[in-house]
Amino acid sequence: MCSAAIAAGLALGSTAVVDAPLTEEAHAASLSDVIPEIPGVDPVIAQRIGTLIALLVILGIALPVVGTEGSSGAGGTGGASDGGYRGGRDAGFAPDGTMRRTISVGGRTRSYNMVLPPGYAEGNSYRIIFGFGGWQHSAERAHEYLRLEDAATDTIVVYGQGVDNAWAGAPYAKTSINHDIAYVRAVIADLAENFGGDRNRVAAIGLSNGGGMAAVLGCHASDTVKAIASAAGAYYDPTVSNCDFGRVATLLMHGTRDDVINYNGGTRHGGAYQPVTRVLDTFGQKNGCSTRTFEYGGLFGATSIEPIGCITPTRLVRVNGGGHTWFTRPDATRESVDFVMQQL
């Protein structure tokens, strides 16, 4: 009778096995049901053995799944193990929400941190905004005060990592302008290939030496960016001399009491840096502006200075009484992101 019942059960269940394979939990349960029927084995002990085997089967399947899901091994190719991003995750997401990526630039390994926008979806196209920190500031440190993603929408935000925490053009930089431009191009290519970054909608924002790096892109690599914004920028001569002719929307913010990079120019680290007004003239010429300017007052004692007749927006915000800092009044994050987003 037992064998007849089993045969009938197999006959009835054959179709179900094809349509819906037996789950591991169900398979474990069937083992625990069969073991108590083994002749010569105490039913209580057999029941316990069956339960133990059931647990081992379930855990044997479940534990690897828990260990793999959401993992972030370098060089991943997408799928469940790396969150579904085509480029994978180099080191996963840090507590501050950034993901670190590594790239090769001219035979040198370099890195950058990025923040994907809320609701990021593979297959969509996204703006790219670079954030460059000041001298001796790592990508992580720059992220702490720039916080560009707080003001940007539908945008991949990149926090660049300079070699020895410095950017080209300054006397203390360990890289050439050409190398750091190549770095930016490599980052853009990586984002375009793996995360839907739009090569034609890129901007750069920076503080101090990082502001100088934003100016480097606007001056020497206008094909890489549509807009730049700089606060307390360090405009050493190489950063803004012999610029190309491409137009790039430009916002400069500088304090009149900046005792590190003086508003009126000077010398530091053995290198000359330019007055902010001369930098405004340089980008004004690139952007088709007149040499005449008009001024108007803004919030928190700031004064906006704009050349007349520009083909591409060009503006200097003079922060009266402001020092060498990422401004909170006016809000440098909001002002910078709003300005560049209008061009993207």
Protein backbone atom coordinates (compact mmCIF):
# COMPACT_ATOMS: atom_id res chain seq x y z
CA MET A 1 0.00 0.00 0.00
CA CYS A 2 2.88 2.31 0.87
CA SER A 3 4.59 1.68 -2.46
CA ALA A 4 1.33 2.18 -4.32
CA ALA A 5 0.77 5.52 -2.61
CA ILE A 6 4.35 6.64 -3.42
CA ALA A 7 3.92 5.61 -7.06
CA ALA A 8 0.64 7.48 -7.27
CA GLY A 9 2.23 10.52 -5.70
CA LEU A 10 5.10 10.48 -8.20
CA ALA A 11 2.69 10.15 -11.09
CA LEU A 12 0.59 13.07 -9.90
CA GLY A 13 3.63 15.25 -9.14
CA SER A 14 5.61 14.77 -12.36
CA THR A 15 4.10 17.73 -14.18
CA ALA A 16 4.53 20.02 -11.16
CA VAL A 17 8.26 19.26 -11.03
CA VAL A 18 8.72 20.47 -14.60
CA ASP A 19 6.73 23.69 -14.11
CA ALA A 20 8.02 24.54 -10.62
CA PRO A 21 11.21 22.77 -9.50
CA LEU A 22 11.31 21.60 -5.91
CA THR A 23 12.63 24.34 -3.64
CA GLU A 24 15.57 23.65 -1.34
CA GLU A 25 13.29 24.11 1.67
CA ALA A 26 10.83 21.58 0.27
CA HIS A 27 13.67 19.17 -0.53
CA ALA A 28 14.95 19.43 3.04
CA ALA A 29 11.46 18.84 4.40
CA SER A 30 11.10 15.70 2.29
CA LEU A 31 14.34 14.32 3.75
CA SER A 32 13.12 14.90 7.30
CA ASP A 33 9.92 13.06 6.44
CA VAL A 34 11.72 10.05 4.95
CA ILE A 35 14.43 9.49 7.57
CA PRO A 36 11.99 8.62 10.45
CA GLU A 37 10.83 5.65 8.35
CA ILE A 38 14.32 4.07 8.16
CA PRO A 39 14.12 0.61 9.82
CA GLY A 40 16.12 0.11 13.03
CA VAL A 41 16.43 3.83 13.81
CA ASP A 42 14.73 5.23 16.89
CA PRO A 43 11.93 7.50 15.57
CA VAL A 44 12.84 10.40 17.91
CA ILE A 45 16.53 10.31 16.92
CA ALA A 46 15.59 9.92 13.29
CA GLN A 47 13.31 12.93 13.53
CA ARG A 48 16.14 15.02 15.00
CA ILE A 49 18.55 13.85 12.30
CA GLY A 50 15.98 14.75 9.68
CA THR A 51 15.51 18.22 11.13
CA LEU A 52 19.29 18.76 11.28
CA ILE A 53 19.72 17.70 7.66
CA ALA A 54 16.88 20.02 6.66
CA LEU A 55 18.59 22.95 8.35
CA LEU A 56 21.96 22.11 6.78
CA VAL A 57 20.44 21.95 3.31
CA ILE A 58 18.70 25.30 3.75
CA LEU A 59 21.79 26.99 5.19
CA GLY A 60 24.01 25.44 2.53
CA ILE A 61 22.00 27.27 -0.09
CA ALA A 62 21.12 30.46 1.78
CA LEU A 63 24.53 31.39 3.18
CA PRO A 64 26.33 31.78 -0.16
CA VAL A 65 23.49 33.98 -1.41
CA VAL A 66 23.83 36.30 1.58
CA GLY A 67 27.60 36.49 1.08
CA THR A 68 27.37 37.31 -2.63
CA GLU A 69 24.47 39.73 -2.83
CA GLY A 70 25.65 43.31 -2.89
CA SER A 71 29.34 42.39 -2.92
CA SER A 72 31.73 44.84 -4.53
CA GLY A 73 34.78 43.10 -5.90
CA ALA A 74 37.04 45.12 -8.17
CA GLY A 75 36.58 44.64 -11.87
CA GLY A 76 32.99 43.43 -11.58
CA THR A 77 30.99 43.24 -14.77
CA GLY A 78 27.53 43.97 -13.48
CA GLY A 79 24.67 41.83 -12.26
CA ALA A 80 23.40 41.01 -8.78
CA SER A 81 26.85 40.81 -7.22
CA ASP A 82 27.68 44.44 -7.94
CA GLY A 83 24.36 46.17 -7.72
CA GLY A 84 23.62 45.91 -11.44
CA TYR A 85 25.94 48.69 -12.63
CA ARG A 86 27.73 47.81 -15.83
CA GLY A 87 31.10 48.93 -14.54
CA GLY A 88 30.87 47.14 -11.22
CA ARG A 89 32.01 48.70 -7.95
CA ASP A 90 35.67 49.05 -7.13
CA ALA A 91 35.22 49.30 -3.39
CA GLY A 92 31.47 49.59 -2.92
CA PHE A 93 29.82 52.63 -1.42
CA ALA A 94 31.50 54.37 1.49
CA PRO A 95 29.43 55.57 4.46
CA ASP A 96 29.33 59.07 2.92
CA GLY A 97 27.57 57.69 -0.16
CA THR A 98 30.54 57.83 -2.50
CA MET A 99 31.95 55.05 -4.65
CA ARG A 100 35.67 54.94 -5.46
CA ARG A 101 36.78 54.07 -8.98
CA THR A 102 40.29 53.45 -10.27
CA ILE A 103 41.48 54.25 -13.78
CA SER A 104 44.76 54.21 -15.70
CA VAL A 105 46.07 57.54 -16.98
CA GLY A 106 49.32 57.59 -18.92
CA GLY A 107 50.50 54.42 -17.24
CA ARG A 108 49.68 55.70 -13.76
CA THR A 109 46.84 54.38 -11.62
CA ARG A 110 44.57 57.14 -10.40
CA SER A 111 41.23 57.25 -8.67
CA TYR A 112 38.13 59.33 -8.18
CA ASN A 113 35.06 59.22 -5.96
CA MET A 114 31.57 59.60 -7.31
CA VAL A 115 28.02 59.99 -6.09
CA LEU A 116 25.19 58.61 -8.19
CA PRO A 117 21.91 60.57 -8.17
CA PRO A 118 18.84 59.32 -6.29
CA GLY A 119 16.82 57.03 -8.53
CA TYR A 120 19.83 56.23 -10.70
CA ALA A 121 18.85 53.76 -13.43
CA GLU A 122 21.04 52.01 -15.95
CA GLY A 123 20.27 53.11 -19.48
CA ASN A 124 19.57 56.73 -18.58
CA SER A 125 21.86 59.64 -19.44
CA TYR A 126 23.24 61.88 -16.69
CA ARG A 127 25.07 65.17 -16.39
CA ILE A 128 28.55 65.08 -14.87
CA ILE A 129 29.85 67.66 -12.40
CA PHE A 130 33.45 67.50 -11.17
CA GLY A 131 34.36 68.80 -7.72
CA PHE A 132 38.01 69.67 -7.10
CA GLY A 133 39.27 70.36 -3.59
CA GLY A 134 41.98 72.70 -2.39
CA TRP A 135 45.66 71.90 -2.00
CA GLN A 136 46.32 69.07 0.47
CA HIS A 137 42.65 68.08 0.36
CA SER A 138 41.78 64.51 -0.60
CA ALA A 139 38.66 63.64 -2.58
CA GLU A 140 37.00 62.69 0.72
CA ARG A 141 37.90 66.01 2.32
CA ALA A 142 36.63 67.95 -0.69
CA HIS A 143 33.34 66.07 -0.50
CA GLU A 144 32.87 67.20 3.09
CA TYR A 145 32.54 70.88 2.19
CA LEU A 146 31.62 70.96 -1.50
CA ARG A 147 28.54 68.68 -1.16
CA LEU A 148 27.62 69.34 -4.78
CA GLU A 149 25.07 66.52 -4.88
CA ASP A 150 22.99 68.44 -2.33
CA ALA A 151 22.18 71.04 -4.99
CA ALA A 152 22.42 68.99 -8.21
CA THR A 153 19.66 66.85 -9.70
CA ASP A 154 19.94 63.94 -12.15
CA THR A 155 23.69 64.38 -12.05
CA ILE A 156 26.69 62.16 -11.39
CA VAL A 157 28.97 64.09 -9.07
CA VAL A 158 32.70 63.34 -9.19
CA TYR A 159 35.20 64.25 -6.48
CA GLY A 160 38.59 64.25 -8.12
CA GLN A 161 41.69 62.90 -6.41
CA GLY A 162 44.80 64.89 -7.24
CA VAL A 163 48.26 63.35 -7.16
CA ASP A 164 49.63 64.13 -3.69
CA ASN A 165 46.41 66.10 -3.12
CA ALA A 166 47.33 68.81 -5.61
CA TRP A 167 46.21 69.97 -9.04
CA ALA A 168 48.31 71.01 -12.02
CA GLY A 169 49.28 74.60 -12.69
CA ALA A 170 50.32 75.35 -9.10
CA PRO A 171 54.06 75.45 -8.24
CA TYR A 172 53.69 72.55 -5.79
CA ALA A 173 51.83 70.23 -8.19
CA LYS A 174 53.48 66.92 -9.12
CA THR A 175 51.57 66.62 -12.38
CA SER A 176 51.52 68.61 -15.61
CA ILE A 177 48.46 70.38 -16.94
CA ASN A 178 48.32 67.88 -19.80
CA HIS A 179 48.35 64.93 -17.38
CA ASP A 180 45.52 66.27 -15.22
CA ILE A 181 43.48 67.09 -18.31
CA ALA A 182 44.06 63.50 -19.48
CA TYR A 183 42.85 62.35 -16.05
CA VAL A 184 39.60 64.28 -16.45
CA ARG A 185 39.10 62.84 -19.93
CA ALA A 186 39.66 59.33 -18.58
CA VAL A 187 37.10 59.86 -15.81
CA ILE A 188 34.54 61.14 -18.32
CA ALA A 189 35.18 58.12 -20.55
CA ASP A 190 34.74 55.73 -17.61
CA LEU A 191 31.46 57.35 -16.59
CA ALA A 192 30.18 57.41 -20.16
CA GLU A 193 30.98 53.74 -20.70
CA ASN A 194 29.80 52.36 -17.38
CA PHE A 195 27.30 54.71 -15.76
CA GLY A 196 25.49 56.66 -18.47
CA GLY A 197 27.52 59.84 -18.05
CA ASP A 198 26.91 62.32 -20.87
CA ARG A 199 30.20 63.51 -22.39
CA ASN A 200 28.45 66.60 -23.74
CA ARG A 201 27.07 67.77 -20.39
CA VAL A 202 30.08 68.18 -18.13
CA ALA A 203 31.00 70.96 -15.70
CA ALA A 204 33.72 71.56 -13.11
CA ILE A 205 33.63 73.31 -9.73
CA GLY A 206 36.48 73.85 -7.30
CA LEU A 207 37.99 75.63 -4.32
CA SER A 208 41.42 77.33 -4.29
CA ASN A 209 43.86 75.00 -6.09
CA GLY A 210 40.78 73.02 -7.19
CA GLY A 211 39.27 76.24 -8.52
CA GLY A 212 42.46 76.64 -10.49
CA MET A 213 41.92 73.14 -11.90
CA ALA A 214 38.41 74.08 -13.00
CA ALA A 215 39.97 77.10 -14.72
CA VAL A 216 42.56 74.83 -16.38
CA LEU A 217 39.73 72.90 -18.04
CA GLY A 218 37.94 76.08 -19.09
CA CYS A 219 41.14 77.60 -20.46
CA HIS A 220 43.03 74.68 -21.98
CA ALA A 221 40.40 71.96 -22.54
CA SER A 222 37.17 73.74 -23.39
CA ASP A 223 35.97 70.66 -25.26
CA THR A 224 35.66 68.80 -21.94
CA VAL A 225 33.36 71.19 -20.05
CA LYS A 226 30.39 73.42 -20.76
CA ALA A 227 30.75 75.45 -17.57
CA ILE A 228 33.11 76.07 -14.65
CA ALA A 229 32.76 77.67 -11.24
CA SER A 230 35.55 78.56 -8.84
CA ALA A 231 35.65 79.90 -5.28
CA ALA A 232 38.85 81.51 -3.94
CA GLY A 233 40.58 80.16 -7.03
CA ALA A 234 44.37 79.94 -7.20
CA TYR A 235 45.01 81.22 -10.72
CA TYR A 236 48.72 80.66 -11.11
CA ASP A 237 49.96 81.87 -14.48
CA PRO A 238 50.04 78.44 -16.21
CA THR A 239 46.37 77.77 -15.37
CA VAL A 240 44.95 80.73 -17.29
CA SER A 241 47.60 81.65 -19.88
CA ASN A 242 47.52 80.86 -23.61
CA CYS A 243 43.93 79.63 -23.48
CA ASP A 244 42.18 77.97 -26.40
CA PHE A 245 39.28 79.72 -28.13
CA GLY A 246 36.39 77.54 -26.98
CA ARG A 247 33.64 79.24 -25.00
CA VAL A 248 32.94 78.00 -21.47
CA ALA A 249 30.40 79.56 -19.09
CA THR A 250 32.39 80.92 -16.14
CA LEU A 251 31.54 81.87 -12.55
CA LEU A 252 34.28 83.21 -10.28
CA MET A 253 33.73 83.85 -6.56
CA HIS A 254 36.42 85.55 -4.50
CA GLY A 255 36.69 87.34 -1.17
CA THR A 256 38.25 90.78 -0.88
CA ARG A 257 40.01 89.76 2.34
CA ASP A 258 41.46 86.52 1.07
CA ASP A 259 44.88 86.40 2.75
CA VAL A 260 45.98 83.22 0.95
CA ILE A 261 45.18 84.02 -2.69
CA ASN A 262 44.81 87.79 -2.78
CA TYR A 263 41.95 89.25 -4.80
CA ASN A 264 44.45 91.53 -6.56
CA GLY A 265 47.00 88.83 -7.38
CA GLY A 266 50.44 88.15 -5.96
CA THR A 267 53.14 85.52 -5.50
CA ARG A 268 52.99 82.31 -3.50
CA HIS A 269 55.14 79.16 -3.38
CA GLY A 270 57.53 80.91 -5.74
CA GLY A 271 54.91 81.34 -8.46
CA ALA A 272 52.86 84.33 -9.57
CA TYR A 273 49.08 84.17 -9.56
CA GLN A 274 46.76 86.54 -11.38
CA PRO A 275 44.25 89.08 -10.07
CA VAL A 276 40.70 87.77 -10.20
CA THR A 277 39.61 90.65 -12.44
CA ARG A 278 42.24 89.66 -15.03
CA VAL A 279 40.95 86.09 -14.99
CA LEU A 280 37.46 87.49 -15.57
CA ASP A 281 38.82 89.41 -18.59
CA THR A 282 40.49 86.27 -19.96
CA PHE A 283 37.29 84.25 -19.89
CA GLY A 284 35.29 87.26 -21.02
CA GLN A 285 37.36 87.42 -24.21
CA LYS A 286 36.86 83.68 -24.79
CA ASN A 287 33.12 84.06 -24.25
CA GLY A 288 32.60 86.96 -26.65
CA CYS A 289 32.10 89.62 -23.97
CA SER A 290 32.73 93.35 -24.16
CA THR A 291 35.47 94.84 -21.98
CA ARG A 292 32.80 96.92 -20.26
CA THR A 293 31.15 95.51 -17.15
CA PHE A 294 28.21 96.33 -14.95
CA GLU A 295 27.87 95.69 -11.23
CA TYR A 296 24.91 94.97 -9.02
CA GLY A 297 24.52 94.13 -5.38
CA GLY A 298 23.64 90.68 -4.13
CA LEU A 299 22.86 88.90 -0.89
CA PHE A 300 25.20 88.94 2.11
CA GLY A 301 27.16 91.95 0.90
CA ALA A 302 28.35 90.32 -2.32
CA THR A 303 28.67 92.23 -5.57
CA SER A 304 28.17 90.65 -8.99
CA ILE A 305 30.33 91.92 -11.84
CA GLU A 306 29.36 90.90 -15.36
CA PRO A 307 30.91 91.83 -18.69
CA ILE A 308 28.41 93.20 -21.21
CA GLY A 309 27.28 91.41 -24.36
CA CYS A 310 28.62 87.93 -23.56
CA ILE A 311 27.72 85.09 -25.89
CA THR A 312 28.31 82.70 -23.00
CA PRO A 313 27.56 83.65 -19.36
CA THR A 314 30.55 85.10 -17.51
CA ARG A 315 30.39 86.48 -13.98
CA LEU A 316 32.50 87.43 -10.98
CA VAL A 317 30.94 87.46 -7.52
CA ARG A 318 33.04 89.68 -5.28
CA VAL A 319 32.46 88.61 -1.69
CA ASN A 320 33.14 91.82 0.19
CA GLY A 321 35.07 91.02 3.37
CA GLY A 322 35.24 87.33 2.45
CA GLY A 323 38.31 85.21 3.21
CA HIS A 324 39.90 82.12 1.69
CA THR A 325 37.08 79.65 2.10
CA TRP A 326 34.23 77.75 0.50
CA PHE A 327 31.62 80.42 1.11
CA THR A 328 28.43 79.81 3.03
CA ARG A 329 27.18 83.41 2.57
CA PRO A 330 26.62 83.51 -0.31
CA ASP A 331 26.22 79.74 -0.56
CA ALA A 332 29.03 78.63 -2.87
CA THR A 333 27.53 75.17 -3.35
CA ARG A 334 24.13 76.46 -4.40
CA GLU A 335 25.48 79.36 -6.49
CA SER A 336 28.00 77.19 -8.31
CA VAL A 337 25.71 74.26 -9.03
CA ASP A 338 22.81 76.47 -10.12
CA PHE A 339 25.12 78.35 -12.50
CA VAL A 340 26.65 75.33 -14.20
CA MET A 341 23.38 73.36 -14.32
CA GLN A 342 21.89 76.10 -16.50
CA GLN A 343 24.50 75.24 -19.12
CA LEU A 344 23.96 71.47 -18.98
